[in-house]
Structure formats: structure tokens, C-alpha cells
Amino acid sequence: MSLAPDLASPSLTVPDRDPRRTLVAAGLNHALHDGYTDLIYVLLPVWQAEFGLGYAALALLRTLCTGTLAALQIPSSHLARRWGARTVLVLGTLLSAGGYALAGLSGGLVGLCAALVLVGAGCSTQHPLASAVIARAYGRAARGPLGTYNFAGDLGKAAVPPVVSLLMTLADWRAALWLAAGAGAAVALAIGLLLPRDPVAPDAEPDESPPAARRGDAGAGRAGFGLLVGIGMLDNAARPAFLLYLPFLLGQKGAGLTLVGLALSGVFVGGALGKAICGRLGQRLGVTRTVILTEAGTAVAILAVIGLPLWPALAVLPVLGLLLNGTSSVLYGTVPELAPGGRVEQAFAVFYTCTLGGSALAAPLVYGRLGDLAGPRWAAVAAAATALAVVPLMLALSRHLGGTAPGPAPRHR
């Protein structure tokens, strides 16, 4: 399937296919890949005991996977234009599964490093290409499905690591990884069967094309996309900045380790619901109103957690998780509308590279240093301020959007 720029418009649909099949395939892929990346947290203690690795070596293993994942987002989009999104998604899933199979065969640090580079390289294909495939399948009605796709990744994070942990209680960790690799091969087969071969442009009405394209203003489109990326970086920075200090804030209020674990679970459950709900909310209320609502609500909820006693603060956390994670679904759904030149795959690749990379750098370098200097409370206040900083940028971005309400859904052949 060729992904020339004119075929990347979100107004294009999938021929002779129910777009829900595309959403199922992309969601399944997202669940597997996000589960694969978080599976490393379960394996690090096992590898430490098995190979006698120090903490520096364990940190290297994690960085190799996440760094490769972030760095190869844009190259993956270039490969998709040459080979087609479906082919690259299938090969990427097989590559990440092969990485875990190799990890199961490795006998030391070098083998693990090579295996995790393969896992990161395979997982790098998923975010930009699957997002663009959904955008193409649903057209201007893609905002809600993109939220569902985003939610599927959280399901994978919640399912894959505990399942593999259970397998490791029943069998050797190497056998557990080979089973996980086999599941990845099965998902790759499902992607090949469910995703369409070629997108076909329907007789779309003129008002179904992206607003920047309708105006013919390429400069405005680039400016809008730049603002969107900036908003995504701030949103992604606020999230880990707060979560980094949440256990310490709760500890200061008298929470023990078990209660802190339950509190974090409440945040993550709320975050998963937020990704599913806020994408649909953005489709109904519009991007500007939804993002301002979620970011302002995030700031207020963070300040409430800082100031309230323990039990009221715990009650706020699921709502905070919903708001904290919900913005991302709205932003992902806006990428196709503002993609420069209609290159949706490349736009998603740039968006994910900047937001993931910015988050990885900001949390330890900026907020970590601030926590050392001023303490957890003021570092959490800085996270709330970061969320509020999105509001003026969102108001500026609203001038580049097509409106606050979604347009008509495209017709499918």
C-alpha cells in the first residue's frame, strides 16, 4: 500500500471494510506494544539476579529500549511510504516479538542489549502508523476512535506484565518470554488479516479536507502543528513530573507503601478511562474547550492533592488521573487535521518523537532538579503550572483549527 502524501488525508476511507476492523487491529497492536515496553519493569529484577547486573546496567537496558523507540518514529514513517503501513506494522510487531525471543536465548548483558534494541525498534513503528491508519479509516470522525486506540495501550500495560509475571511463577523466565514472543507473532498475523491493503479516496466533499489544506495556507498549517507539538510536550511533561512526586506527597500525609500502591492504581485506572472518554468528549465539545477543561482541571486537582488531608486527596486521585491522561487523546485526534502537507504518518511520527523525548528529558533534568532544590510539594506545584501553561497555547492554536465541533463523518464504500 503506497502512502503518498495525498493518500494520508484523514478524509480518506478504507474500501469494502468496516473501519472497526482497522480499529480492532490497531488497538490490539497498541496493547501488545505498550505491554511489551512496560514488561521490562517486571524483568529487570530477574535479569539482575540471573546475570549479576548492577543498577547502571539495568538503567542501560531500559534506556536502550525506550531510546530506540523514540528515535525511530520518524524513520518508521519513511519506511511506510515505501512499503506501506500494514507491512511495516506487521514487520515491526514481528521484530519486537523476535527481540523478546532473543532475550530468552541471551546469556549475558550484550545479548540483552541487542534484544532490547530490537524490541524498541519494532515498537517504534506502532504509534505513528497505527494512528494514521485509524485517521484514514474514520476520516473527520477519527477523534473518538483515536481515543479508543489510546485506551487500548493502557489495557496492554495493565495486562501483559502481570500475565508474564504469572507465567514466570509457573515456568522459567526464558520460557515465559518465548510465550510472549509467540503472542506477538499471533498479533502480527491478525494485523495482516485485518488491516486494509490500499486506501482509496472517496468522492469527498470539499469541506471534509483539513482546514489548513482548504485555505491553502501551508505556513499556517505548519504554525498550527508546531503549537500542537508544544502543547503535547507540556502535557507529557506535567504527567511524569507529578507522578514522580506523588508517592512522596502521600508519604508526608501518612500513607504507607500499600496505600501508596493503591493510590497509584487509582490514578492509572482513571487515566485509562480518561483516554477513552476525553477523545469522545473532544469530538462533542471541540478541541479547544476540552483541552482547556482537562488542563485547568488537572492543575486544580494537583493543587487539591497537595493541600488536602490524606483520605480526601486519595478520593481526588482517580479524577486527577482521568484529567491528567485524557488530554493526550484529544491531541492525538488533532494531528491529522494539522498535519503539514497532509502527511499524517510523518506528522504522527514527529508528534510522538517530540512528546516522548521531551517527557523523558524534562522529568529527570527539570523537575527532578527542582525537587532536590525545593522539595516534592513545590515540584508538584510546578507540574500544575506546566498544565496551566497549555491554556494560552491552546487559545493560540484554536485559530488554526476548523472549528470547535466535528464535521460530518465521511461516507464509507
Protein backbone atom coordinates (compact mmCIF):
# COMPACT_ATOMS: atom_id res chain seq x y z
CA MET A 1 0.00 0.00 0.00
CA SER A 2 1.53 3.29 -1.02
CA LEU A 3 1.33 6.15 1.40
CA ALA A 4 1.84 9.11 -0.84
CA PRO A 5 1.02 12.44 0.80
CA ASP A 6 -2.36 12.78 -0.91
CA LEU A 7 -3.39 9.40 0.48
CA ALA A 8 -2.70 10.48 4.04
CA SER A 9 -5.64 12.83 4.31
CA PRO A 10 -8.00 11.98 7.15
CA SER A 11 -10.90 12.33 4.74
CA LEU A 12 -9.93 9.08 3.04
CA THR A 13 -11.62 5.84 3.88
CA VAL A 14 -10.96 2.13 3.70
CA PRO A 15 -12.60 0.31 0.77
CA ASP A 16 -15.01 -2.55 1.38
CA ARG A 17 -14.03 -2.75 5.03
CA ASP A 18 -15.73 -1.98 8.28
CA PRO A 19 -13.40 0.63 9.82
CA ARG A 20 -13.99 -1.06 13.15
CA ARG A 21 -11.76 -3.89 11.93
CA THR A 22 -8.99 -1.36 11.45
CA LEU A 23 -9.59 -0.02 14.97
CA VAL A 24 -9.52 -3.55 16.44
CA ALA A 25 -6.25 -4.36 14.68
CA ALA A 26 -4.61 -1.08 15.69
CA GLY A 27 -5.87 -1.36 19.26
CA LEU A 28 -4.61 -4.92 19.59
CA ASN A 29 -1.25 -3.83 18.24
CA HIS A 30 -1.12 -0.89 20.65
CA ALA A 31 -1.97 -3.13 23.61
CA LEU A 32 0.79 -5.58 22.70
CA HIS A 33 3.48 -2.97 22.09
CA ASP A 34 2.73 -0.92 25.21
CA GLY A 35 2.62 -4.15 27.18
CA TYR A 36 5.99 -5.13 25.71
CA THR A 37 7.63 -1.84 26.72
CA ASP A 38 6.32 -2.00 30.31
CA LEU A 39 7.19 -5.70 30.60
CA ILE A 40 10.80 -4.65 31.08
CA TYR A 41 9.98 -3.38 34.58
CA VAL A 42 8.99 -6.93 35.58
CA LEU A 43 12.10 -8.45 34.02
CA LEU A 44 14.76 -6.12 35.42
CA PRO A 45 14.91 -7.78 38.87
CA VAL A 46 15.00 -11.20 37.20
CA TRP A 47 17.88 -10.18 34.97
CA GLN A 48 19.70 -8.60 37.90
CA ALA A 49 19.60 -11.89 39.78
CA GLU A 50 20.31 -14.04 36.70
CA PHE A 51 23.27 -12.11 35.29
CA GLY A 52 24.55 -10.21 38.34
CA LEU A 53 23.87 -6.81 36.78
CA GLY A 54 24.24 -3.54 38.66
CA TYR A 55 21.73 -0.71 38.64
CA ALA A 56 23.67 1.18 35.97
CA ALA A 57 23.43 -1.81 33.65
CA LEU A 58 19.71 -2.18 34.37
CA ALA A 59 19.17 1.50 33.59
CA LEU A 60 21.05 1.00 30.33
CA LEU A 61 18.74 -1.84 29.34
CA ARG A 62 15.63 0.28 29.87
CA THR A 63 17.14 3.27 28.08
CA LEU A 64 18.15 1.17 25.07
CA CYS A 65 14.54 0.11 24.52
CA THR A 66 12.83 3.46 25.12
CA GLY A 67 15.55 5.46 23.37
CA THR A 68 15.37 3.29 20.26
CA LEU A 69 11.58 3.51 20.33
CA ALA A 70 11.63 7.33 20.41
CA ALA A 71 14.45 7.74 17.89
CA LEU A 72 12.95 5.54 15.16
CA GLN A 73 9.43 7.01 15.00
CA ILE A 74 10.24 9.25 12.03
CA PRO A 75 12.27 6.61 10.11
CA SER A 76 9.29 4.26 10.54
CA SER A 77 7.04 6.76 8.79
CA HIS A 78 9.52 6.97 5.92
CA LEU A 79 9.53 3.18 5.60
CA ALA A 80 5.74 3.21 5.50
CA ARG A 81 5.73 5.50 2.47
CA ARG A 82 7.95 2.98 0.68
CA TRP A 83 6.50 -0.34 1.84
CA GLY A 84 3.04 0.55 3.16
CA ALA A 85 1.78 0.98 6.72
CA ARG A 86 0.39 -2.54 7.03
CA THR A 87 3.67 -4.17 6.02
CA VAL A 88 5.71 -2.01 8.40
CA LEU A 89 3.29 -2.64 11.28
CA VAL A 90 3.44 -6.41 10.72
CA LEU A 91 7.24 -6.41 10.43
CA GLY A 92 7.59 -4.14 13.47
CA THR A 93 5.45 -6.44 15.59
CA LEU A 94 7.44 -9.46 14.44
CA LEU A 95 10.68 -7.58 15.19
CA SER A 96 9.62 -6.70 18.73
CA ALA A 97 8.46 -10.29 19.31
CA GLY A 98 11.78 -11.51 17.95
CA GLY A 99 13.56 -9.21 20.38
CA TYR A 100 11.90 -10.93 23.33
CA ALA A 101 12.62 -14.34 21.82
CA LEU A 102 16.29 -13.33 21.57
CA ALA A 103 16.21 -12.10 25.18
CA GLY A 104 15.08 -15.58 26.15
CA LEU A 105 18.15 -17.02 24.42
CA SER A 106 20.66 -14.46 25.68
CA GLY A 107 23.37 -15.41 28.10
CA GLY A 108 24.57 -12.00 29.24
CA LEU A 109 24.40 -8.23 29.02
CA VAL A 110 25.41 -7.98 25.36
CA GLY A 111 22.63 -10.30 24.25
CA LEU A 112 20.07 -8.46 26.36
CA CYS A 113 21.18 -5.12 24.92
CA ALA A 114 20.77 -6.40 21.36
CA ALA A 115 17.39 -7.93 22.21
CA LEU A 116 16.00 -4.73 23.72
CA VAL A 117 17.21 -2.63 20.80
CA LEU A 118 15.15 -4.95 18.58
CA VAL A 119 12.14 -4.58 20.89
CA GLY A 120 12.40 -0.79 20.79
CA ALA A 121 12.89 -0.74 17.02
CA GLY A 122 9.82 -2.91 16.47
CA CYS A 123 7.67 -0.90 18.87
CA SER A 124 8.71 2.37 17.19
CA THR A 125 6.50 1.52 14.20
CA GLN A 126 3.29 1.35 16.15
CA HIS A 127 2.34 4.84 17.34
CA PRO A 128 2.66 6.94 14.18
CA LEU A 129 1.47 4.36 11.67
CA ALA A 130 -1.44 2.85 13.59
CA SER A 131 -2.67 6.33 14.48
CA ALA A 132 -2.53 7.38 10.84
CA VAL A 133 -4.32 4.22 9.68
CA ILE A 134 -7.19 4.96 12.08
CA ALA A 135 -7.31 8.59 10.94
CA ARG A 136 -7.53 7.45 7.34
CA ALA A 137 -10.20 4.84 8.08
CA TYR A 138 -12.52 7.16 10.02
CA GLY A 139 -11.84 10.49 8.34
CA ARG A 140 -13.04 13.52 10.30
CA ALA A 141 -14.82 11.20 12.75
CA ALA A 142 -11.45 9.79 13.89
CA ARG A 143 -11.12 11.71 17.15
CA GLY A 144 -13.20 9.26 19.19
CA PRO A 145 -11.65 6.10 17.68
CA LEU A 146 -8.18 7.52 18.32
CA GLY A 147 -9.16 7.86 21.97
CA THR A 148 -10.25 4.22 21.99
CA TYR A 149 -6.95 3.22 20.37
CA ASN A 150 -5.09 5.22 23.01
CA PHE A 151 -7.06 3.46 25.75
CA ALA A 152 -6.07 0.06 24.32
CA GLY A 153 -2.43 0.80 25.09
CA ASP A 154 -3.27 1.19 28.78
CA LEU A 155 -5.05 -2.14 28.71
CA GLY A 156 -1.86 -3.73 27.39
CA LYS A 157 0.20 -2.11 30.15
CA ALA A 158 -2.24 -3.49 32.71
CA ALA A 159 -2.40 -7.00 31.17
CA VAL A 160 0.92 -8.07 29.66
CA PRO A 161 3.33 -7.55 32.61
CA PRO A 162 1.14 -9.34 35.20
CA VAL A 163 0.40 -12.22 32.81
CA VAL A 164 4.10 -12.74 32.14
CA SER A 165 4.77 -12.43 35.87
CA LEU A 166 2.28 -15.22 36.46
CA LEU A 167 3.92 -17.34 33.76
CA MET A 168 7.28 -16.85 35.45
CA THR A 169 5.88 -18.40 38.63
CA LEU A 170 4.90 -21.47 36.62
CA ALA A 171 7.92 -21.78 34.33
CA ASP A 172 11.40 -20.40 33.70
CA TRP A 173 11.54 -16.73 32.69
CA ARG A 174 13.02 -17.69 29.33
CA ALA A 175 10.01 -19.87 28.54
CA ALA A 176 7.72 -17.04 29.61
CA LEU A 177 9.43 -14.70 27.15
CA TRP A 178 9.14 -17.22 24.33
CA LEU A 179 5.40 -17.44 25.01
CA ALA A 180 5.21 -13.64 24.97
CA ALA A 181 7.07 -13.66 21.65
CA GLY A 182 4.59 -16.21 20.29
CA ALA A 183 1.72 -13.91 21.28
CA GLY A 184 3.43 -11.14 19.33
CA ALA A 185 3.64 -13.34 16.23
CA ALA A 186 -0.09 -14.07 16.55
CA VAL A 187 -0.85 -10.33 16.79
CA ALA A 188 1.27 -9.71 13.69
CA LEU A 189 -0.82 -12.28 11.81
CA ALA A 190 -4.03 -10.59 12.98
CA ILE A 191 -2.78 -7.20 11.78
CA GLY A 192 -2.01 -8.63 8.36
CA LEU A 193 -5.51 -10.09 8.11
CA LEU A 194 -7.49 -7.14 9.47
CA LEU A 195 -5.77 -4.05 8.08
CA PRO A 196 -6.66 -2.96 4.53
CA ARG A 197 -4.23 -3.14 1.65
CA ASP A 198 -4.87 0.18 -0.03
CA PRO A 199 -6.69 3.36 0.98
CA VAL A 200 -8.98 4.76 -1.69
CA ALA A 201 -10.13 8.35 -1.92
CA PRO A 202 -13.92 8.65 -2.00
CA ASP A 203 -15.78 11.48 -3.61
CA ALA A 204 -15.22 13.63 -0.56
CA GLU A 205 -16.93 16.94 -0.30
CA PRO A 206 -14.62 19.95 -0.21
CA ASP A 207 -15.34 20.75 3.43
CA GLU A 208 -14.07 17.31 4.52
CA SER A 209 -10.44 18.19 3.90
CA PRO A 210 -8.27 19.57 6.69
CA PRO A 211 -8.80 23.30 7.37
CA ALA A 212 -5.21 24.23 6.60
CA ALA A 213 -5.48 22.46 3.26
CA ARG A 214 -8.79 24.20 2.46
CA ARG A 215 -7.20 27.58 2.97
CA GLY A 216 -4.15 26.58 1.00
CA ASP A 217 -2.08 28.16 3.76
CA ALA A 218 0.86 25.83 4.27
CA GLY A 219 2.58 28.27 6.63
CA ALA A 220 -0.48 28.43 8.85
CA GLY A 221 -0.65 24.64 8.85
CA ARG A 222 2.96 24.37 9.99
CA ALA A 223 2.43 27.00 12.67
CA GLY A 224 -0.64 25.19 13.98
CA PHE A 225 1.16 21.86 14.03
CA GLY A 226 4.09 23.45 15.87
CA LEU A 227 1.72 24.75 18.54
CA LEU A 228 0.13 21.31 18.81
CA VAL A 229 3.54 19.69 19.35
CA GLY A 230 4.38 22.28 22.00
CA ILE A 231 1.12 21.58 23.80
CA GLY A 232 1.80 17.84 23.63
CA MET A 233 5.28 18.33 25.12
CA LEU A 234 3.91 20.36 28.04
CA ASP A 235 1.11 17.87 28.64
CA ASN A 236 3.55 14.95 28.58
CA ALA A 237 5.95 16.78 30.90
CA ALA A 238 3.30 17.56 33.53
CA ARG A 239 2.24 13.93 33.85
CA PRO A 240 5.55 12.28 34.93
CA ALA A 241 6.52 15.41 36.86
CA PHE A 242 3.53 14.92 39.16
CA LEU A 243 3.62 11.11 39.30
CA LEU A 244 7.29 11.23 40.24
CA TYR A 245 6.44 13.03 43.48
CA LEU A 246 3.01 11.59 44.26
CA PRO A 247 4.35 8.75 46.49
CA PHE A 248 6.36 11.28 48.49
CA LEU A 249 3.40 13.64 48.87
CA LEU A 250 1.23 10.79 50.12
CA GLY A 251 4.00 9.60 52.43
CA GLN A 252 4.12 13.06 54.00
CA LYS A 253 0.41 12.69 54.70
CA GLY A 254 0.96 9.37 56.48
CA ALA A 255 0.30 6.82 53.72
CA GLY A 256 2.14 3.52 53.89
CA LEU A 257 3.56 1.64 50.93
CA THR A 258 0.44 -0.47 50.39
CA LEU A 259 -1.80 2.58 50.37
CA VAL A 260 0.57 4.39 48.01
CA GLY A 261 0.33 1.42 45.62
CA LEU A 262 -3.46 1.51 45.75
CA ALA A 263 -3.40 5.27 45.17
CA LEU A 264 -1.25 4.87 42.08
CA SER A 265 -3.63 2.19 40.81
CA GLY A 266 -6.47 4.68 41.21
CA VAL A 267 -4.57 7.22 39.12
CA PHE A 268 -3.83 4.67 36.39
CA VAL A 269 -7.41 3.39 36.24
CA GLY A 270 -8.66 6.96 35.98
CA GLY A 271 -6.04 7.64 33.30
CA ALA A 272 -7.17 4.70 31.21
CA LEU A 273 -10.78 5.89 31.42
CA GLY A 274 -9.66 9.42 30.57
CA LYS A 275 -8.05 8.28 27.34
CA ALA A 276 -11.27 6.57 26.32
CA ILE A 277 -13.65 9.32 27.45
CA CYS A 278 -11.83 12.52 26.54
CA GLY A 279 -11.32 11.55 22.90
CA ARG A 280 -15.10 11.28 22.54
CA LEU A 281 -15.58 14.43 24.60
CA GLY A 282 -13.32 16.34 22.24
CA GLN A 283 -15.50 15.17 19.36
CA ARG A 284 -18.57 16.63 21.06
CA LEU A 285 -17.28 19.78 22.78
CA GLY A 286 -14.46 20.62 20.41
CA VAL A 287 -10.71 20.53 20.87
CA THR A 288 -10.20 23.94 22.46
CA ARG A 289 -12.85 23.63 25.16
CA THR A 290 -11.91 20.05 26.01
CA VAL A 291 -8.17 20.69 26.33
CA ILE A 292 -8.69 23.83 28.43
CA LEU A 293 -11.12 21.89 30.64
CA THR A 294 -8.76 18.95 31.16
CA GLU A 295 -5.60 21.01 31.70
CA ALA A 296 -7.22 23.51 34.06
CA GLY A 297 -8.87 20.61 35.88
CA THR A 298 -5.50 18.86 36.10
CA ALA A 299 -3.91 21.90 37.73
CA VAL A 300 -6.75 22.28 40.23
CA ALA A 301 -6.71 18.56 41.07
CA ILE A 302 -2.92 18.57 41.61
CA LEU A 303 -3.20 21.53 43.97
CA ALA A 304 -6.05 19.76 45.78
CA VAL A 305 -3.93 16.62 46.27
CA ILE A 306 -1.11 18.79 47.65
CA GLY A 307 -3.33 20.70 50.08
CA LEU A 308 -5.94 18.17 51.21
CA PRO A 309 -5.56 15.61 54.03
CA LEU A 310 -4.80 12.04 53.08
CA TRP A 311 -8.23 10.49 52.53
CA PRO A 312 -9.80 13.40 50.61
CA ALA A 313 -6.63 13.52 48.50
CA LEU A 314 -6.99 9.82 47.72
CA ALA A 315 -10.57 10.41 46.59
CA VAL A 316 -9.37 13.06 44.12
CA LEU A 317 -6.73 10.83 42.51
CA PRO A 318 -8.95 8.83 40.07
CA VAL A 319 -10.43 12.09 38.77
CA LEU A 320 -6.94 13.55 38.52
CA GLY A 321 -5.82 10.50 36.55
CA LEU A 322 -8.73 10.93 34.15
CA LEU A 323 -7.85 14.59 33.52
CA LEU A 324 -4.09 14.00 33.51
CA ASN A 325 -4.21 11.38 30.75
CA GLY A 326 -7.34 12.49 28.93
CA THR A 327 -5.77 15.42 27.11
CA SER A 328 -3.49 13.14 25.12
CA SER A 329 -6.39 11.50 23.29
CA VAL A 330 -7.72 14.89 22.22
CA LEU A 331 -4.30 15.97 20.99
CA TYR A 332 -3.72 12.75 19.04
CA GLY A 333 -7.06 13.24 17.32
CA THR A 334 -6.00 16.72 16.20
CA VAL A 335 -2.77 15.62 14.50
CA PRO A 336 -4.43 14.59 11.19
CA GLU A 337 -6.22 17.95 10.94
CA LEU A 338 -2.98 19.92 11.26
CA ALA A 339 -0.56 17.53 9.53
CA PRO A 340 1.69 19.69 7.30
CA GLY A 341 1.14 18.85 3.66
CA GLY A 342 -1.37 16.14 4.61
CA ARG A 343 1.46 13.78 5.61
CA VAL A 344 -0.33 12.15 8.53
CA GLU A 345 2.18 9.33 9.17
CA GLN A 346 5.07 11.78 9.27
CA ALA A 347 3.10 14.19 11.46
CA PHE A 348 2.33 11.48 13.99
CA ALA A 349 5.99 10.42 13.96
CA VAL A 350 7.19 13.96 14.68
CA PHE A 351 4.50 14.43 17.34
CA TYR A 352 5.36 11.22 19.19
CA THR A 353 9.12 11.79 18.89
CA CYS A 354 8.90 15.27 20.41
CA THR A 355 6.40 14.46 23.13
CA LEU A 356 8.02 11.20 24.24
CA GLY A 357 11.53 12.60 24.00
CA GLY A 358 10.61 15.84 25.76
CA SER A 359 8.93 13.95 28.57
CA ALA A 360 11.92 11.66 29.03
CA LEU A 361 14.29 14.63 29.31
CA ALA A 362 12.12 17.02 31.33
CA ALA A 363 11.20 14.72 34.19
CA PRO A 364 14.76 13.97 35.40
CA LEU A 365 16.52 17.16 34.27
CA VAL A 366 13.99 19.87 35.16
CA TYR A 367 11.52 18.54 37.70
CA GLY A 368 13.97 16.17 39.35
CA ARG A 369 16.39 19.02 39.96
CA LEU A 370 13.56 21.22 41.22
CA GLY A 371 12.53 18.52 43.68
CA ASP A 372 16.08 18.35 45.01
CA LEU A 373 16.17 22.13 45.49
CA ALA A 374 12.65 22.91 46.72
CA GLY A 375 11.08 19.61 47.77
CA PRO A 376 8.22 17.47 46.43
CA ARG A 377 5.41 19.96 47.18
CA TRP A 378 6.88 22.78 45.09
CA ALA A 379 7.88 20.37 42.33
CA ALA A 380 4.25 19.19 42.18
CA VAL A 381 3.12 22.83 42.10
CA ALA A 382 5.44 23.27 39.09
CA ALA A 383 3.68 20.32 37.43
CA ALA A 384 0.34 22.11 37.95
CA ALA A 385 1.81 25.29 36.46
CA THR A 386 3.02 23.29 33.45
CA ALA A 387 -0.52 22.03 32.85
CA LEU A 388 -1.88 25.60 33.09
CA ALA A 389 0.75 26.79 30.60
CA VAL A 390 -1.11 24.79 27.96
CA VAL A 391 -4.14 27.12 28.15
CA PRO A 392 -2.68 30.17 26.33
CA LEU A 393 -1.07 27.92 23.73
CA MET A 394 -4.41 26.21 23.20
CA LEU A 395 -6.13 29.55 22.67
CA ALA A 396 -3.49 30.41 20.07
CA LEU A 397 -3.95 27.00 18.42
CA SER A 398 -7.74 27.47 18.20
CA ARG A 399 -7.22 29.94 15.34
CA HIS A 400 -5.72 27.13 13.26
CA LEU A 401 -8.50 24.63 13.89
CA GLY A 402 -11.51 24.08 11.72
CA GLY A 403 -13.99 24.75 14.49
CA THR A 404 -14.98 23.53 17.88
CA ALA A 405 -17.37 20.91 16.66
CA PRO A 406 -16.58 17.98 14.42
CA GLY A 407 -17.63 17.92 10.83
CA PRO A 408 -19.80 15.26 9.24
CA ALA A 409 -18.46 11.74 9.26
CA PRO A 410 -17.14 10.58 5.91
CA ARG A 411 -19.06 8.06 3.85
CA HIS A 412 -17.59 4.55 3.55
CA ARG A 413 -17.94 2.44 0.48
